[in-house]
Amino acid sequence: MPGCAATSARAVYAGVVEHGVYVHPAARGLGVGSALLAALVASTEAAGIWTIQSGIFPENAASLALHHRAGFRVIGTRERVGRHHGRWRDVVLLERRSAVAGIS
């Protein structure tokens, strides 16, 4: 799955992927992120993926809003789970459940 990674090698989590989307500063505000997320959702649903998850730094309001508009919801905050530039960071965990894949 382009732009995604399996969250686990265990078969029970075969329909769960993690993703990240990064938009060049010059392209921000032009709908690129929305287009990328829409393509991601379409491709994962076609592949039978039932959950997409992502971790976003709490201060990244633009990315949190983008994901919210794409149907992601906040699950919670993972404290001190990521190291970025030598310091521990909290990460907001989001997920999007498919309305198509994994229903039955």
PDB file of N, CA and C in Angstrom:
ATOM      1  N   MET A   1       0.855  -1.174   0.000  1.00  0.00           N
ATOM      2  CA  MET A   1       0.000   0.000   0.000  1.00  0.00           C
ATOM      3  C   MET A   1       0.900   1.235   0.000  1.00  0.00           C
ATOM      4  N   PRO A   2       0.872   2.051  -1.046  1.00  0.00           N
ATOM      5  CA  PRO A   2       1.708   3.252  -1.079  1.00  0.00           C
ATOM      6  C   PRO A   2       1.390   4.201   0.070  1.00  0.00           C
ATOM      7  N   GLY A   3       2.412   4.677   0.741  1.00  0.00           N
ATOM      8  CA  GLY A   3       2.236   5.638   1.821  1.00  0.00           C
ATOM      9  C   GLY A   3       1.775   5.028   3.124  1.00  0.00           C
ATOM     10  N   CYS A   4       1.694   3.696   3.188  1.00  0.00           N
ATOM     11  CA  CYS A   4       1.210   3.010   4.378  1.00  0.00           C
ATOM     12  C   CYS A   4       2.189   1.940   4.810  1.00  0.00           C
ATOM     13  N   ALA A   5       2.081   1.569   6.060  1.00  0.00           N
ATOM     14  CA  ALA A   5       2.849   0.451   6.595  1.00  0.00           C
ATOM     15  C   ALA A   5       1.925  -0.367   7.484  1.00  0.00           C
ATOM     16  N   ALA A   6       2.073  -1.676   7.414  1.00  0.00           N
ATOM     17  CA  ALA A   6       1.301  -2.547   8.290  1.00  0.00           C
ATOM     18  C   ALA A   6       1.655  -2.229   9.738  1.00  0.00           C
ATOM     19  N   THR A   7       0.671  -2.299  10.612  1.00  0.00           N
ATOM     20  CA  THR A   7       0.931  -2.015  12.024  1.00  0.00           C
ATOM     21  C   THR A   7       1.439  -3.236  12.763  1.00  0.00           C
ATOM     22  N   SER A   8       1.234  -4.415  12.177  1.00  0.00           N
ATOM     23  CA  SER A   8       1.643  -5.655  12.824  1.00  0.00           C
ATOM     24  C   SER A   8       1.752  -6.755  11.777  1.00  0.00           C
ATOM     25  N   ALA A   9       2.587  -7.741  12.040  1.00  0.00           N
ATOM     26  CA  ALA A   9       2.693  -8.911  11.165  1.00  0.00           C
ATOM     27  C   ALA A   9       1.632  -9.957  11.512  1.00  0.00           C
ATOM     28  N   ARG A  10       0.932  -9.761  12.620  1.00  0.00           N
ATOM     29  CA  ARG A  10      -0.090 -10.713  13.052  1.00  0.00           C
ATOM     30  C   ARG A  10      -1.304 -10.646  12.134  1.00  0.00           C
ATOM     31  N   ALA A  11      -1.823 -11.803  11.770  1.00  0.00           N
ATOM     32  CA  ALA A  11      -2.942 -11.894  10.823  1.00  0.00           C
ATOM     33  C   ALA A  11      -4.175 -11.138  11.299  1.00  0.00           C
ATOM     34  N   VAL A  12      -4.404 -11.095  12.596  1.00  0.00           N
ATOM     35  CA  VAL A  12      -5.588 -10.427  13.138  1.00  0.00           C
ATOM     36  C   VAL A  12      -5.606  -8.931  12.814  1.00  0.00           C
ATOM     37  N   TYR A  13      -4.429  -8.348  12.558  1.00  0.00           N
ATOM     38  CA  TYR A  13      -4.326  -6.920  12.242  1.00  0.00           C
ATOM     39  C   TYR A  13      -4.037  -6.676  10.756  1.00  0.00           C
ATOM     40  N   ALA A  14      -4.357  -7.638   9.914  1.00  0.00           N
ATOM     41  CA  ALA A  14      -4.046  -7.530   8.489  1.00  0.00           C
ATOM     42  C   ALA A  14      -4.736  -6.348   7.812  1.00  0.00           C
ATOM     43  N   GLY A  15      -5.834  -5.873   8.364  1.00  0.00           N
ATOM     44  CA  GLY A  15      -6.581  -4.770   7.774  1.00  0.00           C
ATOM     45  C   GLY A  15      -6.320  -3.430   8.426  1.00  0.00           C
ATOM     46  N   VAL A  16      -5.217  -3.317   9.154  1.00  0.00           N
ATOM     47  CA  VAL A  16      -4.881  -2.075   9.850  1.00  0.00           C
ATOM     48  C   VAL A  16      -3.533  -1.569   9.345  1.00  0.00           C
ATOM     49  N   VAL A  17      -3.512  -0.319   8.898  1.00  0.00           N
ATOM     50  CA  VAL A  17      -2.265   0.289   8.423  1.00  0.00           C
ATOM     51  C   VAL A  17      -2.055   1.634   9.104  1.00  0.00           C
ATOM     52  N   GLU A  18      -0.804   2.045   9.128  1.00  0.00           N
ATOM     53  CA  GLU A  18      -0.444   3.367   9.629  1.00  0.00           C
ATOM     54  C   GLU A  18       0.028   4.186   8.442  1.00  0.00           C
ATOM     55  N   HIS A  19      -0.271   5.463   8.468  1.00  0.00           N
ATOM     56  CA  HIS A  19       0.147   6.301   7.353  1.00  0.00           C
ATOM     57  C   HIS A  19       0.680   7.639   7.866  1.00  0.00           C
ATOM     58  N   GLY A  20       1.378   8.306   6.985  1.00  0.00           N
ATOM     59  CA  GLY A  20       1.813   9.680   7.211  1.00  0.00           C
ATOM     60  C   GLY A  20       1.663  10.434   5.907  1.00  0.00           C
ATOM     61  N   VAL A  21       1.290  11.700   5.992  1.00  0.00           N
ATOM     62  CA  VAL A  21       1.176  12.527   4.791  1.00  0.00           C
ATOM     63  C   VAL A  21       1.962  13.811   5.045  1.00  0.00           C
ATOM     64  N   TYR A  22       2.819  14.126   4.120  1.00  0.00           N
ATOM     65  CA  TYR A  22       3.665  15.306   4.250  1.00  0.00           C
ATOM     66  C   TYR A  22       3.543  16.140   2.985  1.00  0.00           C
ATOM     67  N   VAL A  23       3.216  17.417   3.166  1.00  0.00           N
ATOM     68  CA  VAL A  23       3.024  18.326   2.039  1.00  0.00           C
ATOM     69  C   VAL A  23       4.091  19.412   2.117  1.00  0.00           C
ATOM     70  N   HIS A  24       4.762  19.637   1.022  1.00  0.00           N
ATOM     71  CA  HIS A  24       5.794  20.673   0.961  1.00  0.00           C
ATOM     72  C   HIS A  24       5.177  22.023   1.337  1.00  0.00           C
ATOM     73  N   PRO A  25       5.886  22.828   2.111  1.00  0.00           N
ATOM     74  CA  PRO A  25       5.332  24.122   2.540  1.00  0.00           C
ATOM     75  C   PRO A  25       4.789  24.976   1.395  1.00  0.00           C
ATOM     76  N   ALA A  26       5.417  24.931   0.238  1.00  0.00           N
ATOM     77  CA  ALA A  26       4.954  25.740  -0.895  1.00  0.00           C
ATOM     78  C   ALA A  26       3.622  25.250  -1.461  1.00  0.00           C
ATOM     79  N   ALA A  27       3.257  24.000  -1.155  1.00  0.00           N
ATOM     80  CA  ALA A  27       2.027  23.432  -1.694  1.00  0.00           C
ATOM     81  C   ALA A  27       0.899  23.407  -0.663  1.00  0.00           C
ATOM     82  N   ARG A  28       1.152  23.890   0.544  1.00  0.00           N
ATOM     83  CA  ARG A  28       0.130  23.861   1.588  1.00  0.00           C
ATOM     84  C   ARG A  28      -0.997  24.840   1.269  1.00  0.00           C
ATOM     85  N   GLY A  29      -2.210  24.439   1.609  1.00  0.00           N
ATOM     86  CA  GLY A  29      -3.379  25.279   1.367  1.00  0.00           C
ATOM     87  C   GLY A  29      -3.929  25.168  -0.037  1.00  0.00           C
ATOM     88  N   LEU A  30      -3.379  24.273  -0.844  1.00  0.00           N
ATOM     89  CA  LEU A  30      -3.818  24.114  -2.233  1.00  0.00           C
ATOM     90  C   LEU A  30      -4.661  22.862  -2.457  1.00  0.00           C
ATOM     91  N   GLY A  31      -4.979  22.142  -1.387  1.00  0.00           N
ATOM     92  CA  GLY A  31      -5.787  20.938  -1.521  1.00  0.00           C
ATOM     93  C   GLY A  31      -4.993  19.667  -1.756  1.00  0.00           C
ATOM     94  N   VAL A  32      -3.675  19.757  -1.700  1.00  0.00           N
ATOM     95  CA  VAL A  32      -2.829  18.587  -1.951  1.00  0.00           C
ATOM     96  C   VAL A  32      -3.048  17.533  -0.872  1.00  0.00           C
ATOM     97  N   GLY A  33      -3.043  17.946   0.385  1.00  0.00           N
ATOM     98  CA  GLY A  33      -3.242  17.001   1.479  1.00  0.00           C
ATOM     99  C   GLY A  33      -4.585  16.306   1.386  1.00  0.00           C
ATOM    100  N   SER A  34      -5.624  17.054   1.073  1.00  0.00           N
ATOM    101  CA  SER A  34      -6.959  16.461   0.928  1.00  0.00           C
ATOM    102  C   SER A  34      -6.988  15.446  -0.207  1.00  0.00           C
ATOM    103  N   ALA A  35      -6.348  15.783  -1.314  1.00  0.00           N
ATOM    104  CA  ALA A  35      -6.305  14.869  -2.455  1.00  0.00           C
ATOM    105  C   ALA A  35      -5.527  13.601  -2.113  1.00  0.00           C
ATOM    106  N   LEU A  36      -4.422  13.763  -1.398  1.00  0.00           N
ATOM    107  CA  LEU A  36      -3.629  12.597  -0.999  1.00  0.00           C
ATOM    108  C   LEU A  36      -4.418  11.689  -0.063  1.00  0.00           C
ATOM    109  N   LEU A  37      -5.087  12.275   0.919  1.00  0.00           N
ATOM    110  CA  LEU A  37      -5.871  11.458   1.853  1.00  0.00           C
ATOM    111  C   LEU A  37      -7.048  10.780   1.152  1.00  0.00           C
ATOM    112  N   ALA A  38      -7.690  11.472   0.237  1.00  0.00           N
ATOM    113  CA  ALA A  38      -8.803  10.861  -0.503  1.00  0.00           C
ATOM    114  C   ALA A  38      -8.317   9.667  -1.323  1.00  0.00           C
ATOM    115  N   ALA A  39      -7.167   9.813  -1.960  1.00  0.00           N
ATOM    116  CA  ALA A  39      -6.597   8.699  -2.732  1.00  0.00           C
ATOM    117  C   ALA A  39      -6.198   7.549  -1.814  1.00  0.00           C
ATOM    118  N   LEU A  40      -5.651   7.885  -0.653  1.00  0.00           N
ATOM    119  CA  LEU A  40      -5.276   6.860   0.315  1.00  0.00           C
ATOM    120  C   LEU A  40      -6.500   6.076   0.775  1.00  0.00           C
ATOM    121  N   VAL A  41      -7.562   6.778   1.139  1.00  0.00           N
ATOM    122  CA  VAL A  41      -8.784   6.118   1.599  1.00  0.00           C
ATOM    123  C   VAL A  41      -9.336   5.215   0.500  1.00  0.00           C
ATOM    124  N   ALA A  42      -9.409   5.711  -0.714  1.00  0.00           N
ATOM    125  CA  ALA A  42      -9.930   4.903  -1.823  1.00  0.00           C
ATOM    126  C   ALA A  42      -9.084   3.657  -2.046  1.00  0.00           C
ATOM    127  N   SER A  43      -7.767   3.806  -2.013  1.00  0.00           N
ATOM    128  CA  SER A  43      -6.898   2.653  -2.285  1.00  0.00           C
ATOM    129  C   SER A  43      -6.925   1.640  -1.143  1.00  0.00           C
ATOM    130  N   THR A  44      -7.026   2.113   0.093  1.00  0.00           N
ATOM    131  CA  THR A  44      -7.069   1.164   1.203  1.00  0.00           C
ATOM    132  C   THR A  44      -8.395   0.418   1.231  1.00  0.00           C
ATOM    133  N   GLU A  45      -9.480   1.117   0.966  1.00  0.00           N
ATOM    134  CA  GLU A  45     -10.768   0.434   0.944  1.00  0.00           C
ATOM    135  C   GLU A  45     -10.818  -0.600  -0.173  1.00  0.00           C
ATOM    136  N   ALA A  46     -10.252  -0.275  -1.326  1.00  0.00           N
ATOM    137  CA  ALA A  46     -10.206  -1.236  -2.429  1.00  0.00           C
ATOM    138  C   ALA A  46      -9.361  -2.455  -2.063  1.00  0.00           C
ATOM    139  N   ALA A  47      -8.388  -2.267  -1.184  1.00  0.00           N
ATOM    140  CA  ALA A  47      -7.510  -3.360  -0.765  1.00  0.00           C
ATOM    141  C   ALA A  47      -8.040  -4.110   0.462  1.00  0.00           C
ATOM    142  N   GLY A  48      -9.212  -3.726   0.969  1.00  0.00           N
ATOM    143  CA  GLY A  48      -9.801  -4.421   2.108  1.00  0.00           C
ATOM    144  C   GLY A  48      -9.282  -3.968   3.460  1.00  0.00           C
ATOM    145  N   ILE A  49      -8.632  -2.817   3.502  1.00  0.00           N
ATOM    146  CA  ILE A  49      -8.126  -2.271   4.766  1.00  0.00           C
ATOM    147  C   ILE A  49      -9.298  -1.654   5.519  1.00  0.00           C
ATOM    148  N   TRP A  50      -9.469  -2.019   6.784  1.00  0.00           N
ATOM    149  CA  TRP A  50     -10.601  -1.496   7.550  1.00  0.00           C
ATOM    150  C   TRP A  50     -10.240  -0.369   8.506  1.00  0.00           C
ATOM    151  N   THR A  51      -8.960  -0.189   8.816  1.00  0.00           N
ATOM    152  CA  THR A  51      -8.568   0.900   9.709  1.00  0.00           C
ATOM    153  C   THR A  51      -7.266   1.525   9.234  1.00  0.00           C
ATOM    154  N   ILE A  52      -7.271   2.847   9.115  1.00  0.00           N
ATOM    155  CA  ILE A  52      -6.056   3.619   8.860  1.00  0.00           C
ATOM    156  C   ILE A  52      -5.784   4.402  10.136  1.00  0.00           C
ATOM    157  N   GLN A  53      -4.561   4.347  10.624  1.00  0.00           N
ATOM    158  CA  GLN A  53      -4.227   5.134  11.800  1.00  0.00           C
ATOM    159  C   GLN A  53      -3.037   6.032  11.507  1.00  0.00           C
ATOM    160  N   SER A  54      -2.929   7.083  12.309  1.00  0.00           N
ATOM    161  CA  SER A  54      -1.851   8.042  12.139  1.00  0.00           C
ATOM    162  C   SER A  54      -1.532   8.687  13.479  1.00  0.00           C
ATOM    163  N   GLY A  55      -0.287   9.048  13.675  1.00  0.00           N
ATOM    164  CA  GLY A  55       0.140   9.784  14.857  1.00  0.00           C
ATOM    165  C   GLY A  55       0.603  11.171  14.446  1.00  0.00           C
ATOM    166  N   ILE A  56       0.073  12.194  15.107  1.00  0.00           N
ATOM    167  CA  ILE A  56       0.351  13.586  14.733  1.00  0.00           C
ATOM    168  C   ILE A  56       0.729  14.359  15.986  1.00  0.00           C
ATOM    169  N   PHE A  57       1.744  15.209  15.880  1.00  0.00           N
ATOM    170  CA  PHE A  57       2.114  16.047  17.019  1.00  0.00           C
ATOM    171  C   PHE A  57       0.943  16.952  17.380  1.00  0.00           C
ATOM    172  N   PRO A  58       0.674  17.139  18.668  1.00  0.00           N
ATOM    173  CA  PRO A  58      -0.503  17.905  19.104  1.00  0.00           C
ATOM    174  C   PRO A  58      -0.578  19.331  18.569  1.00  0.00           C
ATOM    175  N   GLU A  59       0.556  19.982  18.350  1.00  0.00           N
ATOM    176  CA  GLU A  59       0.534  21.370  17.882  1.00  0.00           C
ATOM    177  C   GLU A  59       0.303  21.496  16.380  1.00  0.00           C
ATOM    178  N   ASN A  60       0.257  20.379  15.656  1.00  0.00           N
ATOM    179  CA  ASN A  60       0.065  20.419  14.205  1.00  0.00           C
ATOM    180  C   ASN A  60      -1.434  20.511  13.887  1.00  0.00           C
ATOM    181  N   ALA A  61      -1.997  21.675  14.179  1.00  0.00           N
ATOM    182  CA  ALA A  61      -3.436  21.892  14.025  1.00  0.00           C
ATOM    183  C   ALA A  61      -3.905  21.684  12.588  1.00  0.00           C
ATOM    184  N   ALA A  62      -3.091  22.076  11.619  1.00  0.00           N
ATOM    185  CA  ALA A  62      -3.490  21.925  10.213  1.00  0.00           C
ATOM    186  C   ALA A  62      -3.648  20.451   9.846  1.00  0.00           C
ATOM    187  N   SER A  63      -2.720  19.613  10.270  1.00  0.00           N
ATOM    188  CA  SER A  63      -2.807  18.185   9.962  1.00  0.00           C
ATOM    189  C   SER A  63      -3.957  17.529  10.716  1.00  0.00           C
ATOM    190  N   LEU A  64      -4.161  17.924  11.959  1.00  0.00           N
ATOM    191  CA  LEU A  64      -5.292  17.379  12.719  1.00  0.00           C
ATOM    192  C   LEU A  64      -6.616  17.741  12.049  1.00  0.00           C
ATOM    193  N   ALA A  65      -6.757  18.985  11.589  1.00  0.00           N
ATOM    194  CA  ALA A  65      -7.980  19.415  10.903  1.00  0.00           C
ATOM    195  C   ALA A  65      -8.156  18.679   9.576  1.00  0.00           C
ATOM    196  N   LEU A  66      -7.074  18.521   8.836  1.00  0.00           N
ATOM    197  CA  LEU A  66      -7.116  17.799   7.563  1.00  0.00           C
ATOM    198  C   LEU A  66      -7.620  16.377   7.779  1.00  0.00           C
ATOM    199  N   HIS A  67      -7.080  15.701   8.767  1.00  0.00           N
ATOM    200  CA  HIS A  67      -7.494  14.330   9.037  1.00  0.00           C
ATOM    201  C   HIS A  67      -8.946  14.276   9.515  1.00  0.00           C
ATOM    202  N   HIS A  68      -9.345  15.216  10.329  1.00  0.00           N
ATOM    203  CA  HIS A  68     -10.739  15.266  10.783  1.00  0.00           C
ATOM    204  C   HIS A  68     -11.680  15.377   9.578  1.00  0.00           C
ATOM    205  N   ARG A  69     -11.346  16.268   8.636  1.00  0.00           N
ATOM    206  CA  ARG A  69     -12.179  16.436   7.434  1.00  0.00           C
ATOM    207  C   ARG A  69     -12.228  15.162   6.594  1.00  0.00           C
ATOM    208  N   ALA A  70     -11.182  14.338   6.677  1.00  0.00           N
ATOM    209  CA  ALA A  70     -11.124  13.092   5.902  1.00  0.00           C
ATOM    210  C   ALA A  70     -11.766  11.918   6.641  1.00  0.00           C
ATOM    211  N   GLY A  71     -12.394  12.201   7.787  1.00  0.00           N
ATOM    212  CA  GLY A  71     -13.115  11.152   8.493  1.00  0.00           C
ATOM    213  C   GLY A  71     -12.343  10.473   9.611  1.00  0.00           C
ATOM    214  N   PHE A  72     -11.191  11.006   9.972  1.00  0.00           N
ATOM    215  CA  PHE A  72     -10.426  10.442  11.087  1.00  0.00           C
ATOM    216  C   PHE A  72     -10.974  10.996  12.400  1.00  0.00           C
ATOM    217  N   ARG A  73     -10.831  10.211  13.461  1.00  0.00           N
ATOM    218  CA  ARG A  73     -11.221  10.670  14.788  1.00  0.00           C
ATOM    219  C   ARG A  73     -10.061  10.467  15.747  1.00  0.00           C
ATOM    220  N   VAL A  74     -10.017  11.291  16.765  1.00  0.00           N
ATOM    221  CA  VAL A  74      -8.962  11.197  17.769  1.00  0.00           C
ATOM    222  C   VAL A  74      -9.289  10.045  18.713  1.00  0.00           C
ATOM    223  N   ILE A  75      -8.320   9.172  18.900  1.00  0.00           N
ATOM    224  CA  ILE A  75      -8.451   8.045  19.815  1.00  0.00           C
ATOM    225  C   ILE A  75      -7.901   8.429  21.182  1.00  0.00           C
ATOM    226  N   GLY A  76      -6.814   9.203  21.173  1.00  0.00           N
ATOM    227  CA  GLY A  76      -6.193   9.630  22.426  1.00  0.00           C
ATOM    228  C   GLY A  76      -4.809  10.186  22.170  1.00  0.00           C
ATOM    229  N   THR A  77      -4.105  10.473  23.231  1.00  0.00           N
ATOM    230  CA  THR A  77      -2.748  10.988  23.129  1.00  0.00           C
ATOM    231  C   THR A  77      -1.793   9.978  23.740  1.00  0.00           C
ATOM    232  N   ARG A  78      -0.788   9.613  22.987  1.00  0.00           N
ATOM    233  CA  ARG A  78       0.259   8.729  23.479  1.00  0.00           C
ATOM    234  C   ARG A  78       1.379   9.621  23.999  1.00  0.00           C
ATOM    235  N   GLU A  79       1.638   9.546  25.277  1.00  0.00           N
ATOM    236  CA  GLU A  79       2.614  10.435  25.908  1.00  0.00           C
ATOM    237  C   GLU A  79       4.033   9.927  25.714  1.00  0.00           C
ATOM    238  N   ARG A  80       4.910  10.854  25.336  1.00  0.00           N
ATOM    239  CA  ARG A  80       6.334  10.577  25.196  1.00  0.00           C
ATOM    240  C   ARG A  80       6.611   9.307  24.383  1.00  0.00           C
ATOM    241  N   VAL A  81       5.935   9.149  23.270  1.00  0.00           N
ATOM    242  CA  VAL A  81       6.075   7.941  22.468  1.00  0.00           C
ATOM    243  C   VAL A  81       7.031   8.131  21.293  1.00  0.00           C
ATOM    244  N   GLY A  82       7.237   9.374  20.864  1.00  0.00           N
ATOM    245  CA  GLY A  82       8.124   9.639  19.738  1.00  0.00           C
ATOM    246  C   GLY A  82       9.306  10.502  20.143  1.00  0.00           C
ATOM    247  N   ARG A  83      10.449  10.260  19.488  1.00  0.00           N
ATOM    248  CA  ARG A  83      11.613  11.122  19.696  1.00  0.00           C
ATOM    249  C   ARG A  83      11.817  11.930  18.428  1.00  0.00           C
ATOM    250  N   HIS A  84      11.851  13.243  18.581  1.00  0.00           N
ATOM    251  CA  HIS A  84      11.977  14.144  17.442  1.00  0.00           C
ATOM    252  C   HIS A  84      13.022  15.191  17.796  1.00  0.00           C
ATOM    253  N   HIS A  85      14.083  15.258  17.005  1.00  0.00           N
ATOM    254  CA  HIS A  85      15.178  16.201  17.260  1.00  0.00           C
ATOM    255  C   HIS A  85      15.714  16.079  18.687  1.00  0.00           C
ATOM    256  N   GLY A  86      15.833  14.828  19.135  1.00  0.00           N
ATOM    257  CA  GLY A  86      16.446  14.570  20.429  1.00  0.00           C
ATOM    258  C   GLY A  86      15.565  14.757  21.649  1.00  0.00           C
ATOM    259  N   ARG A  87      14.290  15.030  21.452  1.00  0.00           N
ATOM    260  CA  ARG A  87      13.420  15.180  22.624  1.00  0.00           C
ATOM    261  C   ARG A  87      12.163  14.321  22.483  1.00  0.00           C
ATOM    262  N   TRP A  88      11.664  13.859  23.627  1.00  0.00           N
ATOM    263  CA  TRP A  88      10.468  13.036  23.639  1.00  0.00           C
ATOM    264  C   TRP A  88       9.249  13.875  23.290  1.00  0.00           C
ATOM    265  N   ARG A  89       8.347  13.282  22.505  1.00  0.00           N
ATOM    266  CA  ARG A  89       7.160  13.999  22.048  1.00  0.00           C
ATOM    267  C   ARG A  89       5.897  13.189  22.294  1.00  0.00           C
ATOM    268  N   ASP A  90       4.847  13.879  22.671  1.00  0.00           N
ATOM    269  CA  ASP A  90       3.525  13.279  22.700  1.00  0.00           C
ATOM    270  C   ASP A  90       3.018  13.205  21.260  1.00  0.00           C
ATOM    271  N   VAL A  91       2.146  12.251  21.007  1.00  0.00           N
ATOM    272  CA  VAL A  91       1.582  12.082  19.671  1.00  0.00           C
ATOM    273  C   VAL A  91       0.082  11.822  19.822  1.00  0.00           C
ATOM    274  N   VAL A  92      -0.718  12.566  19.069  1.00  0.00           N
ATOM    275  CA  VAL A  92      -2.163  12.339  19.038  1.00  0.00           C
ATOM    276  C   VAL A  92      -2.412  11.179  18.074  1.00  0.00           C
ATOM    277  N   LEU A  93      -3.090  10.144  18.554  1.00  0.00           N
ATOM    278  CA  LEU A  93      -3.401   8.974  17.738  1.00  0.00           C
ATOM    279  C   LEU A  93      -4.785   9.148  17.124  1.00  0.00           C
ATOM    280  N   LEU A  94      -4.840   9.050  15.804  1.00  0.00           N
ATOM    281  CA  LEU A  94      -6.099   9.163  15.070  1.00  0.00           C
ATOM    282  C   LEU A  94      -6.345   7.883  14.291  1.00  0.00           C
ATOM    283  N   GLU A  95      -7.612   7.617  14.003  1.00  0.00           N
ATOM    284  CA  GLU A  95      -7.930   6.481  13.149  1.00  0.00           C
ATOM    285  C   GLU A  95      -9.144   6.807  12.290  1.00  0.00           C
ATOM    286  N   ARG A  96      -9.205   6.099  11.172  1.00  0.00           N
ATOM    287  CA  ARG A  96     -10.364   6.178  10.288  1.00  0.00           C
ATOM    288  C   ARG A  96     -10.812   4.753  10.014  1.00  0.00           C
ATOM    289  N   ARG A  97     -12.044   4.474  10.341  1.00  0.00           N
ATOM    290  CA  ARG A  97     -12.623   3.148  10.081  1.00  0.00           C
ATOM    291  C   ARG A  97     -13.384   3.198   8.776  1.00  0.00           C
ATOM    292  N   SER A  98     -13.182   2.179   7.963  1.00  0.00           N
ATOM    293  CA  SER A  98     -13.855   2.092   6.679  1.00  0.00           C
ATOM    294  C   SER A  98     -15.336   1.780   6.870  1.00  0.00           C
ATOM    295  N   ALA A  99     -16.157   2.387   6.032  1.00  0.00           N
ATOM    296  CA  ALA A  99     -17.582   2.074   5.996  1.00  0.00           C
ATOM    297  C   ALA A  99     -17.847   0.960   4.980  1.00  0.00           C
ATOM    298  N   VAL A 100     -16.776   0.509   4.297  1.00  0.00           N
ATOM    299  CA  VAL A 100     -16.897  -0.474   3.233  1.00  0.00           C
ATOM    300  C   VAL A 100     -16.156  -1.766   3.575  1.00  0.00           C
ATOM    301  N   ALA A 101     -14.898  -1.649   3.928  1.00  0.00           N
ATOM    302  CA  ALA A 101     -14.058  -2.820   4.179  1.00  0.00           C
ATOM    303  C   ALA A 101     -14.201  -3.282   5.627  1.00  0.00           C
ATOM    304  N   GLY A 102     -14.173  -4.600   5.803  1.00  0.00           N
ATOM    305  CA  GLY A 102     -14.206  -5.171   7.153  1.00  0.00           C
ATOM    306  C   GLY A 102     -15.545  -5.087   7.849  1.00  0.00           C
ATOM    307  N   ILE A 103     -16.604  -4.897   7.116  1.00  0.00           N
ATOM    308  CA  ILE A 103     -17.932  -4.721   7.699  1.00  0.00           C
ATOM    309  C   ILE A 103     -18.490  -6.060   8.202  1.00  0.00           C
ATOM    310  N   SER A 104     -18.302  -7.097   7.434  1.00  0.00           N
ATOM    311  CA  SER A 104     -18.911  -8.392   7.794  1.00  0.00           C
ATOM    312  C   SER A 104     -18.115  -9.145   8.824  1.00  0.00           C
TER     313      SER A 104
END
